[in-house]
Amino acid sequence: MRRSVKLALLFAVLMVLRGAFPLFAQTPPASPPPNSQAAAPAAGEGNVMIEELKSPNANTRAKAARELGKAEDVSALPALAAAVSDPSDKVRREVVLALAQMRRSEALDALIKATRDNNEEISVLAVQSLVGHYTGNVPTAGFSGFLKKNWQRATGTSIRTPPGSTSAFTWTPR
């Protein structure tokens, strides 16, 4: 199948998904009122997740890193920075994503350390996270991250007709 047909099909699928999933909406998410308790984690919930980062089970440590990243709890930065050197690739990957989601200058040293990781995927993710800190394009994981990345690629292309062209459309990827 030609590349232009594949991209057109991907674009069509993503346009359908855009209406179904709020992930692709162009409007920013509504922020809670400043005095709202919904945004803050429950007292002690962050401490439990920090303790789970020391669990002997790698899946538990990865889940704890993911949850700490979602909570954006600044008190967890030292624990996440220490977990950058975890023996499990899965945990290190989730830690890098959690540090990227926080977008704090205190996390930069840990992300720089993660760029020297033995696993190339994790070091590339750390570099993307550092770039995202300054550009606002924070990498995301999982299927939703895959869809979001491809949506950005699909919407970053343009269809142009050069002057004097005999064809109706010319597909020009960025």
Foldseek 3Di string as FASTA:
>chain_A
DDPVVVLVVLLVVLVVVVVVDVLNDPDDDDDDPPPDPVLADDVCPLVVLLVQCPDPDLVSVLVSLQVLLVSLDPVCLVSLLVCCPPPDPSNNQSSLLSLLSNLDPSNLVSLVVQLPDPDNVRNVLSVQSVVCSVVVPRQDDDPSSVSVVSNCQSVQWDWDDDPPDPDPIDTDGD
